[in-house]
Amino acid sequence: MADPETEELQLEQLQREHAEREQAKDADLPREERTHERRADRAAYLQEKLEERARSEDAADG
């Protein structure tokens, strides 16, 4: 089972990604939209890395 801290961080990144994608849709200027999209992409990347960490923790436990 993944560390509770890892799971919490995964959830946090998922929420950030969704929030940034919403802000990108609501952005008035193309520059703002790109900024929010980059932030969403970064949050998705971090969430992916946390998934890898969770799998590694599971493998170490099992």
PDB file of N, CA and C in Angstrom:
ATOM      1  N   MET A   1       0.839  -1.183   0.000  1.00  0.00           N
ATOM      2  CA  MET A   1       0.000   0.000   0.000  1.00  0.00           C
ATOM      3  C   MET A   1       0.883   1.245   0.000  1.00  0.00           C
ATOM      4  N   ALA A   2       0.497   2.224  -0.804  1.00  0.00           N
ATOM      5  CA  ALA A   2       1.275   3.448  -0.918  1.00  0.00           C
ATOM      6  C   ALA A   2       1.222   4.234   0.386  1.00  0.00           C
ATOM      7  N   ASP A   3       2.267   4.965   0.625  1.00  0.00           N
ATOM      8  CA  ASP A   3       2.366   5.827   1.796  1.00  0.00           C
ATOM      9  C   ASP A   3       1.227   6.845   1.779  1.00  0.00           C
ATOM     10  N   PRO A   4       0.579   7.079   2.913  1.00  0.00           N
ATOM     11  CA  PRO A   4      -0.518   8.061   2.947  1.00  0.00           C
ATOM     12  C   PRO A   4      -0.089   9.451   2.457  1.00  0.00           C
ATOM     13  N   GLU A   5       1.146   9.821   2.719  1.00  0.00           N
ATOM     14  CA  GLU A   5       1.644  11.116   2.247  1.00  0.00           C
ATOM     15  C   GLU A   5       1.676  11.151   0.720  1.00  0.00           C
ATOM     16  N   THR A   6       2.087  10.049   0.113  1.00  0.00           N
ATOM     17  CA  THR A   6       2.122   9.966  -1.349  1.00  0.00           C
ATOM     18  C   THR A   6       0.713  10.102  -1.915  1.00  0.00           C
ATOM     19  N   GLU A   7      -0.232   9.404  -1.313  1.00  0.00           N
ATOM     20  CA  GLU A   7      -1.620   9.483  -1.774  1.00  0.00           C
ATOM     21  C   GLU A   7      -2.170  10.895  -1.632  1.00  0.00           C
ATOM     22  N   GLU A   8      -1.835  11.551  -0.534  1.00  0.00           N
ATOM     23  CA  GLU A   8      -2.287  12.924  -0.314  1.00  0.00           C
ATOM     24  C   GLU A   8      -1.698  13.859  -1.369  1.00  0.00           C
ATOM     25  N   LEU A   9      -0.424  13.681  -1.671  1.00  0.00           N
ATOM     26  CA  LEU A   9       0.221  14.507  -2.688  1.00  0.00           C
ATOM     27  C   LEU A   9      -0.378  14.255  -4.067  1.00  0.00           C
ATOM     28  N   GLN A  10      -0.710  12.996  -4.366  1.00  0.00           N
ATOM     29  CA  GLN A  10      -1.344  12.673  -5.643  1.00  0.00           C
ATOM     30  C   GLN A  10      -2.675  13.416  -5.772  1.00  0.00           C
ATOM     31  N   LEU A  11      -3.467  13.362  -4.734  1.00  0.00           N
ATOM     32  CA  LEU A  11      -4.764  14.029  -4.750  1.00  0.00           C
ATOM     33  C   LEU A  11      -4.601  15.536  -4.923  1.00  0.00           C
ATOM     34  N   GLU A  12      -3.632  16.095  -4.234  1.00  0.00           N
ATOM     35  CA  GLU A  12      -3.368  17.533  -4.334  1.00  0.00           C
ATOM     36  C   GLU A  12      -3.010  17.923  -5.767  1.00  0.00           C
ATOM     37  N   GLN A  13      -2.151  17.141  -6.408  1.00  0.00           N
ATOM     38  CA  GLN A  13      -1.747  17.451  -7.790  1.00  0.00           C
ATOM     39  C   GLN A  13      -2.913  17.294  -8.755  1.00  0.00           C
ATOM     40  N   LEU A  14      -3.744  16.304  -8.524  1.00  0.00           N
ATOM     41  CA  LEU A  14      -4.912  16.106  -9.367  1.00  0.00           C
ATOM     42  C   LEU A  14      -5.860  17.307  -9.256  1.00  0.00           C
ATOM     43  N   GLN A  15      -6.058  17.777  -8.051  1.00  0.00           N
ATOM     44  CA  GLN A  15      -6.921  18.939  -7.835  1.00  0.00           C
ATOM     45  C   GLN A  15      -6.320  20.187  -8.486  1.00  0.00           C
ATOM     46  N   ARG A  16      -5.004  20.344  -8.368  1.00  0.00           N
ATOM     47  CA  ARG A  16      -4.348  21.493  -9.007  1.00  0.00           C
ATOM     48  C   ARG A  16      -4.510  21.445 -10.521  1.00  0.00           C
ATOM     49  N   GLU A  17      -4.319  20.252 -11.085  1.00  0.00           N
ATOM     50  CA  GLU A  17      -4.454  20.126 -12.523  1.00  0.00           C
ATOM     51  C   GLU A  17      -5.855  20.542 -12.977  1.00  0.00           C
ATOM     52  N   HIS A  18      -6.867  20.034 -12.306  1.00  0.00           N
ATOM     53  CA  HIS A  18      -8.245  20.369 -12.682  1.00  0.00           C
ATOM     54  C   HIS A  18      -8.512  21.871 -12.526  1.00  0.00           C
ATOM     55  N   ALA A  19      -8.043  22.452 -11.438  1.00  0.00           N
ATOM     56  CA  ALA A  19      -8.251  23.883 -11.206  1.00  0.00           C
ATOM     57  C   ALA A  19      -7.577  24.717 -12.293  1.00  0.00           C
ATOM     58  N   GLU A  20      -6.350  24.356 -12.650  1.00  0.00           N
ATOM     59  CA  GLU A  20      -5.627  25.107 -13.676  1.00  0.00           C
ATOM     60  C   GLU A  20      -6.290  24.949 -15.042  1.00  0.00           C
ATOM     61  N   ARG A  21      -6.799  23.768 -15.355  1.00  0.00           N
ATOM     62  CA  ARG A  21      -7.490  23.580 -16.636  1.00  0.00           C
ATOM     63  C   ARG A  21      -8.764  24.425 -16.684  1.00  0.00           C
ATOM     64  N   GLU A  22      -9.457  24.518 -15.568  1.00  0.00           N
ATOM     65  CA  GLU A  22     -10.653  25.365 -15.510  1.00  0.00           C
ATOM     66  C   GLU A  22     -10.276  26.832 -15.701  1.00  0.00           C
ATOM     67  N   GLN A  23      -9.212  27.258 -15.038  1.00  0.00           N
ATOM     68  CA  GLN A  23      -8.771  28.642 -15.189  1.00  0.00           C
ATOM     69  C   GLN A  23      -8.324  28.927 -16.620  1.00  0.00           C
ATOM     70  N   ALA A  24      -7.720  27.951 -17.264  1.00  0.00           N
ATOM     71  CA  ALA A  24      -7.307  28.128 -18.663  1.00  0.00           C
ATOM     72  C   ALA A  24      -8.523  28.336 -19.550  1.00  0.00           C
ATOM     73  N   LYS A  25      -9.594  27.566 -19.290  1.00  0.00           N
ATOM     74  CA  LYS A  25     -10.816  27.723 -20.092  1.00  0.00           C
ATOM     75  C   LYS A  25     -11.448  29.094 -19.878  1.00  0.00           C
ATOM     76  N   ASP A  26     -11.317  29.621 -18.658  1.00  0.00           N
ATOM     77  CA  ASP A  26     -11.940  30.898 -18.320  1.00  0.00           C
ATOM     78  C   ASP A  26     -11.048  32.112 -18.588  1.00  0.00           C
ATOM     79  N   ALA A  27      -9.832  31.871 -19.041  1.00  0.00           N
ATOM     80  CA  ALA A  27      -8.882  32.968 -19.239  1.00  0.00           C
ATOM     81  C   ALA A  27      -9.353  33.898 -20.357  1.00  0.00           C
ATOM     82  N   ASP A  28      -9.116  35.183 -20.142  1.00  0.00           N
ATOM     83  CA  ASP A  28      -9.497  36.184 -21.129  1.00  0.00           C
ATOM     84  C   ASP A  28      -8.433  36.375 -22.205  1.00  0.00           C
ATOM     85  N   LEU A  29      -7.194  36.205 -21.827  1.00  0.00           N
ATOM     86  CA  LEU A  29      -6.087  36.438 -22.747  1.00  0.00           C
ATOM     87  C   LEU A  29      -5.372  35.138 -23.094  1.00  0.00           C
ATOM     88  N   PRO A  30      -4.891  35.013 -24.313  1.00  0.00           N
ATOM     89  CA  PRO A  30      -4.162  33.801 -24.706  1.00  0.00           C
ATOM     90  C   PRO A  30      -2.950  33.527 -23.807  1.00  0.00           C
ATOM     91  N   ARG A  31      -2.292  34.586 -23.379  1.00  0.00           N
ATOM     92  CA  ARG A  31      -1.125  34.425 -22.503  1.00  0.00           C
ATOM     93  C   ARG A  31      -1.530  33.782 -21.182  1.00  0.00           C
ATOM     94  N   GLU A  32      -2.643  34.232 -20.610  1.00  0.00           N
ATOM     95  CA  GLU A  32      -3.136  33.646 -19.364  1.00  0.00           C
ATOM     96  C   GLU A  32      -3.506  32.177 -19.569  1.00  0.00           C
ATOM     97  N   GLU A  33      -4.135  31.895 -20.691  1.00  0.00           N
ATOM     98  CA  GLU A  33      -4.530  30.526 -20.988  1.00  0.00           C
ATOM     99  C   GLU A  33      -3.305  29.616 -21.064  1.00  0.00           C
ATOM    100  N   ARG A  34      -2.252  30.067 -21.757  1.00  0.00           N
ATOM    101  CA  ARG A  34      -1.026  29.272 -21.870  1.00  0.00           C
ATOM    102  C   ARG A  34      -0.384  29.051 -20.500  1.00  0.00           C
ATOM    103  N   THR A  35      -0.399  30.083 -19.672  1.00  0.00           N
ATOM    104  CA  THR A  35       0.176  29.969 -18.330  1.00  0.00           C
ATOM    105  C   THR A  35      -0.541  28.901 -17.523  1.00  0.00           C
ATOM    106  N   HIS A  36      -1.857  28.919 -17.555  1.00  0.00           N
ATOM    107  CA  HIS A  36      -2.632  27.935 -16.802  1.00  0.00           C
ATOM    108  C   HIS A  36      -2.470  26.528 -17.385  1.00  0.00           C
ATOM    109  N   GLU A  37      -2.366  26.435 -18.700  1.00  0.00           N
ATOM    110  CA  GLU A  37      -2.152  25.131 -19.321  1.00  0.00           C
ATOM    111  C   GLU A  37      -0.794  24.552 -18.916  1.00  0.00           C
ATOM    112  N   ARG A  38       0.236  25.394 -18.877  1.00  0.00           N
ATOM    113  CA  ARG A  38       1.562  24.927 -18.445  1.00  0.00           C
ATOM    114  C   ARG A  38       1.517  24.454 -16.997  1.00  0.00           C
ATOM    115  N   ARG A  39       0.826  25.203 -16.150  1.00  0.00           N
ATOM    116  CA  ARG A  39       0.697  24.809 -14.748  1.00  0.00           C
ATOM    117  C   ARG A  39      -0.062  23.484 -14.626  1.00  0.00           C
ATOM    118  N   ALA A  40      -1.101  23.314 -15.426  1.00  0.00           N
ATOM    119  CA  ALA A  40      -1.871  22.067 -15.406  1.00  0.00           C
ATOM    120  C   ALA A  40      -1.004  20.906 -15.886  1.00  0.00           C
ATOM    121  N   ASP A  41      -0.223  21.143 -16.932  1.00  0.00           N
ATOM    122  CA  ASP A  41       0.663  20.096 -17.440  1.00  0.00           C
ATOM    123  C   ASP A  41       1.701  19.704 -16.393  1.00  0.00           C
ATOM    124  N   ARG A  42       2.214  20.687 -15.679  1.00  0.00           N
ATOM    125  CA  ARG A  42       3.202  20.400 -14.624  1.00  0.00           C
ATOM    126  C   ARG A  42       2.564  19.588 -13.509  1.00  0.00           C
ATOM    127  N   ALA A  43       1.361  19.950 -13.108  1.00  0.00           N
ATOM    128  CA  ALA A  43       0.663  19.202 -12.062  1.00  0.00           C
ATOM    129  C   ALA A  43       0.400  17.766 -12.515  1.00  0.00           C
ATOM    130  N   ALA A  44       0.040  17.577 -13.784  1.00  0.00           N
ATOM    131  CA  ALA A  44      -0.188  16.237 -14.315  1.00  0.00           C
ATOM    132  C   ALA A  44       1.111  15.435 -14.304  1.00  0.00           C
ATOM    133  N   TYR A  45       2.209  16.077 -14.656  1.00  0.00           N
ATOM    134  CA  TYR A  45       3.517  15.412 -14.644  1.00  0.00           C
ATOM    135  C   TYR A  45       3.876  14.976 -13.223  1.00  0.00           C
ATOM    136  N   LEU A  46       3.693  15.878 -12.264  1.00  0.00           N
ATOM    137  CA  LEU A  46       4.016  15.543 -10.882  1.00  0.00           C
ATOM    138  C   LEU A  46       3.119  14.422 -10.359  1.00  0.00           C
ATOM    139  N   GLN A  47       1.870  14.445 -10.757  1.00  0.00           N
ATOM    140  CA  GLN A  47       0.939  13.404 -10.335  1.00  0.00           C
ATOM    141  C   GLN A  47       1.380  12.056 -10.908  1.00  0.00           C
ATOM    142  N   GLU A  48       1.848  12.062 -12.143  1.00  0.00           N
ATOM    143  CA  GLU A  48       2.356  10.841 -12.774  1.00  0.00           C
ATOM    144  C   GLU A  48       3.576  10.303 -12.023  1.00  0.00           C
ATOM    145  N   LYS A  49       4.465  11.197 -11.641  1.00  0.00           N
ATOM    146  CA  LYS A  49       5.653  10.786 -10.892  1.00  0.00           C
ATOM    147  C   LYS A  49       5.267  10.230  -9.525  1.00  0.00           C
ATOM    148  N   LEU A  50       4.257  10.797  -8.905  1.00  0.00           N
ATOM    149  CA  LEU A  50       3.786  10.282  -7.625  1.00  0.00           C
ATOM    150  C   LEU A  50       3.157   8.899  -7.786  1.00  0.00           C
ATOM    151  N   GLU A  51       2.515   8.654  -8.920  1.00  0.00           N
ATOM    152  CA  GLU A  51       1.981   7.320  -9.199  1.00  0.00           C
ATOM    153  C   GLU A  51       3.123   6.305  -9.295  1.00  0.00           C
ATOM    154  N   GLU A  52       4.208   6.712  -9.944  1.00  0.00           N
ATOM    155  CA  GLU A  52       5.377   5.841 -10.037  1.00  0.00           C
ATOM    156  C   GLU A  52       5.933   5.558  -8.641  1.00  0.00           C
ATOM    157  N   ARG A  53       5.982   6.582  -7.821  1.00  0.00           N
ATOM    158  CA  ARG A  53       6.462   6.432  -6.446  1.00  0.00           C
ATOM    159  C   ARG A  53       5.577   5.461  -5.664  1.00  0.00           C
ATOM    160  N   ALA A  54       4.260   5.580  -5.847  1.00  0.00           N
ATOM    161  CA  ALA A  54       3.331   4.691  -5.147  1.00  0.00           C
ATOM    162  C   ALA A  54       3.542   3.248  -5.587  1.00  0.00           C
ATOM    163  N   ARG A  55       3.733   3.037  -6.900  1.00  0.00           N
ATOM    164  CA  ARG A  55       3.980   1.676  -7.391  1.00  0.00           C
ATOM    165  C   ARG A  55       5.279   1.121  -6.813  1.00  0.00           C
ATOM    166  N   SER A  56       6.269   1.978  -6.709  1.00  0.00           N
ATOM    167  CA  SER A  56       7.559   1.553  -6.139  1.00  0.00           C
ATOM    168  C   SER A  56       7.385   1.187  -4.669  1.00  0.00           C
ATOM    169  N   GLU A  57       6.617   1.983  -3.944  1.00  0.00           N
ATOM    170  CA  GLU A  57       6.368   1.685  -2.531  1.00  0.00           C
ATOM    171  C   GLU A  57       5.606   0.369  -2.394  1.00  0.00           C
ATOM    172  N   ASP A  58       4.641   0.144  -3.281  1.00  0.00           N
ATOM    173  CA  ASP A  58       3.880  -1.112  -3.252  1.00  0.00           C
ATOM    174  C   ASP A  58       4.801  -2.307  -3.519  1.00  0.00           C
ATOM    175  N   ALA A  59       5.692  -2.147  -4.473  1.00  0.00           N
ATOM    176  CA  ALA A  59       6.611  -3.227  -4.818  1.00  0.00           C
ATOM    177  C   ALA A  59       7.568  -3.526  -3.647  1.00  0.00           C
ATOM    178  N   ALA A  60       7.979  -2.487  -2.954  1.00  0.00           N
ATOM    179  CA  ALA A  60       8.878  -2.668  -1.817  1.00  0.00           C
ATOM    180  C   ALA A  60       8.168  -3.373  -0.664  1.00  0.00           C
ATOM    181  N   ASP A  61       6.874  -3.122  -0.521  1.00  0.00           N
ATOM    182  CA  ASP A  61       6.091  -3.752   0.543  1.00  0.00           C
ATOM    183  C   ASP A  61       5.742  -5.208   0.224  1.00  0.00           C
ATOM    184  N   GLY A  62       5.597  -5.484  -1.058  1.00  0.00           N
ATOM    185  CA  GLY A  62       5.089  -6.805  -1.439  1.00  0.00           C
ATOM    186  C   GLY A  62       6.156  -7.725  -1.846  1.00  0.00           C
TER     187      GLY A  62
END
